[in-house]
């Protein structure tokens, strides 16, 4: 649960500030979930990517602290590189999924007007 909060408060807000993702209208999201149940599943996958990215971010800081305090973790620099690649991978996955959900919500809004 803490990982999810770190993801929503840190990762998502930083990505919005960097304009990698755009905020979508909450009312449209509720309407889209009522119209298409798949939107809820897609949003859950999106949140999972964000949570896993926050896990690797916390691990990254743990590895940095292990260098600072000399805890003696073997191959810590290799672990930092692998961890950084995982952070990058899951943040990109989150951005892609988030934008897909946003486009689907907009599409469902447009389709509602057409019907």
N, C-alpha and C. Protein backbone atom coordinates (compact mmCIF):
# COMPACT_ATOMS: atom_id res chain seq x y z
N UNK A 1 0.82 -1.18 0.00
CA UNK A 1 0.00 0.00 0.00
C UNK A 1 0.87 1.26 0.00
N UNK A 2 1.99 1.20 0.70
CA UNK A 2 2.90 2.34 0.72
C UNK A 2 3.48 2.56 -0.67
N UNK A 3 3.78 1.47 -1.36
CA UNK A 3 4.33 1.58 -2.72
C UNK A 3 3.34 2.28 -3.65
N UNK A 4 2.07 1.97 -3.51
CA UNK A 4 1.05 2.61 -4.34
C UNK A 4 0.97 4.10 -4.06
N UNK A 5 1.07 4.48 -2.79
CA UNK A 5 1.05 5.91 -2.43
C UNK A 5 2.27 6.63 -2.97
N UNK A 6 3.44 5.99 -2.89
CA UNK A 6 4.65 6.60 -3.44
C UNK A 6 4.48 6.81 -4.94
N UNK A 7 3.92 5.82 -5.60
CA UNK A 7 3.69 5.94 -7.04
C UNK A 7 2.73 7.04 -7.40
N UNK A 8 1.64 7.14 -6.66
CA UNK A 8 0.63 8.15 -7.01
C UNK A 8 1.06 9.55 -6.60
N UNK A 9 1.80 9.66 -5.51
CA UNK A 9 2.20 11.00 -5.05
C UNK A 9 3.50 11.49 -5.69
N UNK A 10 4.39 10.58 -5.98
CA UNK A 10 5.68 11.00 -6.55
C UNK A 10 5.74 10.81 -8.06
N UNK A 11 5.64 9.56 -8.48
CA UNK A 11 5.87 9.24 -9.89
C UNK A 11 4.83 9.91 -10.78
N UNK A 12 3.56 9.74 -10.47
CA UNK A 12 2.52 10.31 -11.32
C UNK A 12 2.58 11.83 -11.35
N UNK A 13 2.79 12.46 -10.20
CA UNK A 13 2.86 13.93 -10.17
C UNK A 13 4.08 14.46 -10.90
N UNK A 14 5.20 13.77 -10.78
CA UNK A 14 6.40 14.20 -11.52
C UNK A 14 6.18 14.06 -13.02
N UNK A 15 5.55 12.98 -13.44
CA UNK A 15 5.27 12.78 -14.87
C UNK A 15 4.28 13.81 -15.39
N UNK A 16 3.32 14.20 -14.57
CA UNK A 16 2.39 15.27 -14.99
C UNK A 16 3.12 16.60 -15.08
N UNK A 17 4.02 16.85 -14.13
CA UNK A 17 4.79 18.09 -14.14
C UNK A 17 5.71 18.14 -15.37
N UNK A 18 6.27 16.99 -15.74
CA UNK A 18 7.13 16.92 -16.92
C UNK A 18 6.33 16.88 -18.23
N UNK A 19 5.01 16.82 -18.11
CA UNK A 19 4.07 16.77 -19.23
C UNK A 19 4.24 15.51 -20.08
N UNK A 20 4.61 14.42 -19.41
CA UNK A 20 4.66 13.11 -20.07
C UNK A 20 3.26 12.50 -20.14
N UNK A 21 2.43 12.84 -19.17
CA UNK A 21 1.05 12.39 -19.15
C UNK A 21 0.16 13.59 -18.90
N UNK A 22 -1.07 13.50 -19.40
CA UNK A 22 -2.05 14.57 -19.18
C UNK A 22 -3.14 14.03 -18.27
N UNK A 23 -3.63 14.90 -17.43
CA UNK A 23 -4.71 14.52 -16.52
C UNK A 23 -6.01 14.38 -17.33
N UNK A 24 -6.78 13.36 -17.02
CA UNK A 24 -8.07 13.22 -17.70
C UNK A 24 -9.19 13.57 -16.73
N UNK A 25 -10.30 13.89 -17.32
CA UNK A 25 -11.47 14.32 -16.57
C UNK A 25 -12.05 13.13 -15.79
N UNK A 26 -12.22 13.32 -14.50
CA UNK A 26 -12.71 12.25 -13.63
C UNK A 26 -14.15 11.85 -14.01
N UNK A 27 -14.97 12.82 -14.35
CA UNK A 27 -16.36 12.51 -14.74
C UNK A 27 -16.40 11.65 -15.99
N UNK A 28 -15.53 11.96 -16.95
CA UNK A 28 -15.47 11.14 -18.16
C UNK A 28 -15.00 9.72 -17.84
N UNK A 29 -14.10 9.60 -16.88
CA UNK A 29 -13.61 8.28 -16.50
C UNK A 29 -14.72 7.44 -15.88
N UNK A 30 -15.53 8.05 -15.03
CA UNK A 30 -16.66 7.32 -14.43
C UNK A 30 -17.64 6.88 -15.50
N UNK A 31 -17.96 7.76 -16.43
CA UNK A 31 -18.87 7.40 -17.52
C UNK A 31 -18.29 6.29 -18.38
N UNK A 32 -16.98 6.36 -18.64
CA UNK A 32 -16.33 5.33 -19.46
C UNK A 32 -16.33 3.98 -18.75
N UNK A 33 -16.13 3.98 -17.43
CA UNK A 33 -16.16 2.72 -16.69
C UNK A 33 -17.55 2.10 -16.71
N UNK A 34 -18.57 2.93 -16.68
CA UNK A 34 -19.94 2.41 -16.74
C UNK A 34 -20.27 1.87 -18.12
N UNK A 35 -19.69 2.47 -19.14
CA UNK A 35 -19.98 2.07 -20.51
C UNK A 35 -19.16 0.86 -20.95
N UNK A 36 -17.90 0.79 -20.48
CA UNK A 36 -17.00 -0.27 -20.91
C UNK A 36 -16.23 -0.78 -19.69
N UNK A 37 -16.46 -2.03 -19.29
CA UNK A 37 -15.82 -2.60 -18.11
C UNK A 37 -14.32 -2.79 -18.31
N UNK A 38 -13.89 -2.84 -19.56
CA UNK A 38 -12.47 -3.03 -19.83
C UNK A 38 -11.62 -1.84 -19.38
N UNK A 39 -12.21 -0.67 -19.30
CA UNK A 39 -11.49 0.52 -18.88
C UNK A 39 -10.96 0.35 -17.45
N UNK A 40 -11.76 -0.25 -16.60
CA UNK A 40 -11.35 -0.48 -15.22
C UNK A 40 -10.16 -1.43 -15.15
N UNK A 41 -10.16 -2.47 -15.97
CA UNK A 41 -9.05 -3.42 -16.01
C UNK A 41 -7.79 -2.73 -16.54
N UNK A 42 -7.93 -1.94 -17.58
CA UNK A 42 -6.79 -1.22 -18.14
C UNK A 42 -6.20 -0.23 -17.14
N UNK A 43 -7.05 0.41 -16.38
CA UNK A 43 -6.59 1.35 -15.36
C UNK A 43 -5.87 0.61 -14.23
N UNK A 44 -6.35 -0.57 -13.90
CA UNK A 44 -5.69 -1.37 -12.86
C UNK A 44 -4.29 -1.80 -13.30
N UNK A 45 -4.15 -2.17 -14.57
CA UNK A 45 -2.83 -2.51 -15.11
C UNK A 45 -1.91 -1.29 -15.06
N UNK A 46 -2.45 -0.14 -15.40
CA UNK A 46 -1.70 1.11 -15.35
C UNK A 46 -1.20 1.39 -13.93
N UNK A 47 -2.05 1.23 -12.97
CA UNK A 47 -1.68 1.46 -11.57
C UNK A 47 -0.66 0.42 -11.09
N UNK A 48 -0.73 -0.79 -11.61
CA UNK A 48 0.24 -1.81 -11.25
C UNK A 48 1.63 -1.43 -11.77
N UNK A 49 1.70 -0.95 -13.00
CA UNK A 49 2.99 -0.50 -13.54
C UNK A 49 3.58 0.63 -12.68
N UNK A 50 2.74 1.55 -12.28
CA UNK A 50 3.20 2.67 -11.46
C UNK A 50 3.70 2.18 -10.10
N UNK A 51 3.01 1.21 -9.51
CA UNK A 51 3.40 0.67 -8.22
C UNK A 51 4.72 -0.09 -8.32
N UNK A 52 4.90 -0.88 -9.37
CA UNK A 52 6.15 -1.61 -9.54
C UNK A 52 7.31 -0.64 -9.79
N UNK A 53 7.05 0.43 -10.54
CA UNK A 53 8.09 1.46 -10.74
C UNK A 53 8.48 2.09 -9.41
N UNK A 54 7.51 2.32 -8.54
CA UNK A 54 7.84 2.90 -7.23
C UNK A 54 8.61 1.92 -6.37
N UNK A 55 8.35 0.62 -6.52
CA UNK A 55 9.14 -0.39 -5.81
C UNK A 55 10.61 -0.30 -6.21
N UNK A 56 10.86 -0.24 -7.51
CA UNK A 56 12.24 -0.15 -7.98
C UNK A 56 12.88 1.19 -7.62
N UNK A 57 12.09 2.24 -7.53
CA UNK A 57 12.61 3.53 -7.10
C UNK A 57 13.07 3.47 -5.64
N UNK A 58 12.28 2.84 -4.80
CA UNK A 58 12.66 2.69 -3.40
C UNK A 58 13.90 1.80 -3.27
N UNK A 59 13.96 0.73 -4.07
CA UNK A 59 15.16 -0.11 -4.08
C UNK A 59 16.40 0.68 -4.51
N UNK A 60 16.21 1.57 -5.48
CA UNK A 60 17.31 2.41 -5.95
C UNK A 60 17.87 3.25 -4.80
N UNK A 61 16.99 3.87 -4.02
CA UNK A 61 17.45 4.65 -2.88
C UNK A 61 18.08 3.77 -1.80
N UNK A 62 17.56 2.58 -1.64
CA UNK A 62 18.16 1.63 -0.70
C UNK A 62 19.60 1.29 -1.10
N UNK A 63 19.80 1.04 -2.40
CA UNK A 63 21.15 0.73 -2.88
C UNK A 63 22.09 1.93 -2.72
N UNK A 64 21.56 3.12 -2.96
CA UNK A 64 22.40 4.31 -2.74
C UNK A 64 22.78 4.46 -1.28
N UNK A 65 21.84 4.20 -0.38
CA UNK A 65 22.14 4.24 1.05
C UNK A 65 23.16 3.17 1.44
N UNK A 66 23.08 2.02 0.78
CA UNK A 66 24.05 0.96 1.11
C UNK A 66 25.46 1.37 0.72
N UNK A 67 25.60 2.16 -0.33
CA UNK A 67 26.93 2.68 -0.69
C UNK A 67 27.35 3.72 0.33
N UNK A 68 26.45 4.60 0.68
CA UNK A 68 26.76 5.69 1.62
C UNK A 68 27.19 5.16 2.99
N UNK A 69 26.43 4.18 3.51
CA UNK A 69 26.72 3.65 4.84
C UNK A 69 27.61 2.41 4.82
N UNK A 70 28.05 2.00 3.63
CA UNK A 70 28.97 0.86 3.46
C UNK A 70 28.43 -0.41 4.10
N UNK A 71 27.21 -0.80 3.69
CA UNK A 71 26.58 -1.99 4.23
C UNK A 71 27.16 -3.27 3.64
N UNK A 72 27.96 -3.15 2.62
CA UNK A 72 28.64 -4.31 2.06
C UNK A 72 27.79 -5.20 1.18
N UNK A 73 26.87 -4.63 0.44
CA UNK A 73 26.08 -5.41 -0.51
C UNK A 73 26.99 -5.72 -1.71
N UNK A 74 27.05 -7.00 -2.06
CA UNK A 74 27.92 -7.43 -3.13
C UNK A 74 27.36 -6.97 -4.48
N UNK A 75 28.22 -6.48 -5.36
CA UNK A 75 27.85 -6.03 -6.71
C UNK A 75 26.77 -4.96 -6.69
N UNK A 76 26.86 -4.02 -5.79
CA UNK A 76 25.82 -3.00 -5.63
C UNK A 76 25.72 -2.12 -6.88
N UNK A 77 26.82 -1.88 -7.56
CA UNK A 77 26.76 -1.02 -8.74
C UNK A 77 26.03 -1.71 -9.89
N UNK A 78 26.20 -3.00 -10.01
CA UNK A 78 25.45 -3.76 -11.00
C UNK A 78 23.96 -3.74 -10.65
N UNK A 79 23.66 -3.91 -9.38
CA UNK A 79 22.26 -3.88 -8.94
C UNK A 79 21.63 -2.51 -9.21
N UNK A 80 22.39 -1.45 -9.02
CA UNK A 80 21.88 -0.10 -9.29
C UNK A 80 21.57 0.06 -10.77
N UNK A 81 22.45 -0.44 -11.63
CA UNK A 81 22.21 -0.35 -13.08
C UNK A 81 20.96 -1.13 -13.49
N UNK A 82 20.84 -2.35 -12.98
CA UNK A 82 19.66 -3.17 -13.30
C UNK A 82 18.40 -2.51 -12.75
N UNK A 83 18.49 -1.99 -11.56
CA UNK A 83 17.34 -1.33 -10.93
C UNK A 83 16.92 -0.09 -11.74
N UNK A 84 17.90 0.68 -12.17
CA UNK A 84 17.59 1.88 -12.96
C UNK A 84 16.90 1.50 -14.27
N UNK A 85 17.36 0.41 -14.91
CA UNK A 85 16.70 -0.05 -16.13
C UNK A 85 15.27 -0.50 -15.86
N UNK A 86 15.03 -1.13 -14.73
CA UNK A 86 13.67 -1.55 -14.36
C UNK A 86 12.77 -0.34 -14.09
N UNK A 87 13.32 0.66 -13.42
CA UNK A 87 12.55 1.90 -13.19
C UNK A 87 12.15 2.49 -14.53
N UNK A 88 13.11 2.60 -15.42
CA UNK A 88 12.86 3.17 -16.75
C UNK A 88 11.80 2.37 -17.50
N UNK A 89 11.94 1.05 -17.47
CA UNK A 89 10.99 0.17 -18.17
C UNK A 89 9.57 0.35 -17.66
N UNK A 90 9.39 0.34 -16.34
CA UNK A 90 8.04 0.40 -15.80
C UNK A 90 7.45 1.81 -15.86
N UNK A 91 8.29 2.83 -15.83
CA UNK A 91 7.75 4.19 -16.02
C UNK A 91 7.29 4.36 -17.46
N UNK A 92 8.07 3.86 -18.42
CA UNK A 92 7.62 3.92 -19.82
C UNK A 92 6.34 3.11 -20.02
N UNK A 93 6.26 1.95 -19.39
CA UNK A 93 5.04 1.14 -19.49
C UNK A 93 3.85 1.87 -18.89
N UNK A 94 4.07 2.54 -17.76
CA UNK A 94 2.99 3.31 -17.13
C UNK A 94 2.53 4.44 -18.04
N UNK A 95 3.48 5.17 -18.63
CA UNK A 95 3.12 6.28 -19.53
C UNK A 95 2.30 5.77 -20.71
N UNK A 96 2.76 4.68 -21.32
CA UNK A 96 2.06 4.12 -22.47
C UNK A 96 0.66 3.66 -22.10
N UNK A 97 0.53 2.95 -21.00
CA UNK A 97 -0.78 2.46 -20.56
C UNK A 97 -1.71 3.61 -20.17
N UNK A 98 -1.17 4.59 -19.47
CA UNK A 98 -1.95 5.76 -19.04
C UNK A 98 -2.52 6.49 -20.25
N UNK A 99 -1.67 6.71 -21.25
CA UNK A 99 -2.13 7.40 -22.46
C UNK A 99 -3.14 6.56 -23.24
N UNK A 100 -2.98 5.23 -23.21
CA UNK A 100 -3.95 4.36 -23.87
C UNK A 100 -5.31 4.45 -23.18
N UNK A 101 -5.31 4.41 -21.86
CA UNK A 101 -6.57 4.53 -21.10
C UNK A 101 -7.22 5.88 -21.38
N UNK A 102 -6.42 6.93 -21.38
CA UNK A 102 -6.94 8.28 -21.64
C UNK A 102 -7.58 8.37 -23.03
N UNK A 103 -6.92 7.81 -24.04
CA UNK A 103 -7.48 7.82 -25.39
C UNK A 103 -8.75 7.00 -25.48
N UNK A 104 -8.80 5.89 -24.74
CA UNK A 104 -10.01 5.06 -24.76
C UNK A 104 -11.17 5.79 -24.10
N UNK A 105 -10.91 6.50 -23.03
CA UNK A 105 -11.96 7.29 -22.37
C UNK A 105 -12.47 8.37 -23.32
N UNK A 106 -11.58 9.04 -24.01
CA UNK A 106 -11.99 10.07 -24.98
C UNK A 106 -12.78 9.44 -26.11
N UNK A 107 -12.36 8.27 -26.58
CA UNK A 107 -13.08 7.57 -27.64
C UNK A 107 -14.49 7.21 -27.19
N UNK A 108 -14.61 6.71 -25.96
CA UNK A 108 -15.93 6.34 -25.46
C UNK A 108 -16.83 7.56 -25.30
N UNK A 109 -16.26 8.69 -24.96
CA UNK A 109 -17.03 9.93 -24.89
C UNK A 109 -17.55 10.29 -26.28
N UNK A 110 -16.68 10.20 -27.28
CA UNK A 110 -17.07 10.51 -28.65
C UNK A 110 -18.13 9.54 -29.15
N UNK A 111 -17.95 8.26 -28.84
CA UNK A 111 -18.90 7.23 -29.27
C UNK A 111 -20.26 7.43 -28.60
N UNK A 112 -20.23 7.93 -27.35
CA UNK A 112 -21.50 8.18 -26.64
C UNK A 112 -22.27 9.27 -27.35
N UNK A 113 -21.56 10.28 -27.82
CA UNK A 113 -22.23 11.38 -28.52
C UNK A 113 -22.78 10.91 -29.86
N UNK A 114 -22.10 9.97 -30.50
CA UNK A 114 -22.55 9.47 -31.80
C UNK A 114 -23.81 8.63 -31.67
N UNK A 115 -23.93 7.88 -30.55
CA UNK A 115 -25.08 6.98 -30.38
C UNK A 115 -26.32 7.71 -30.05
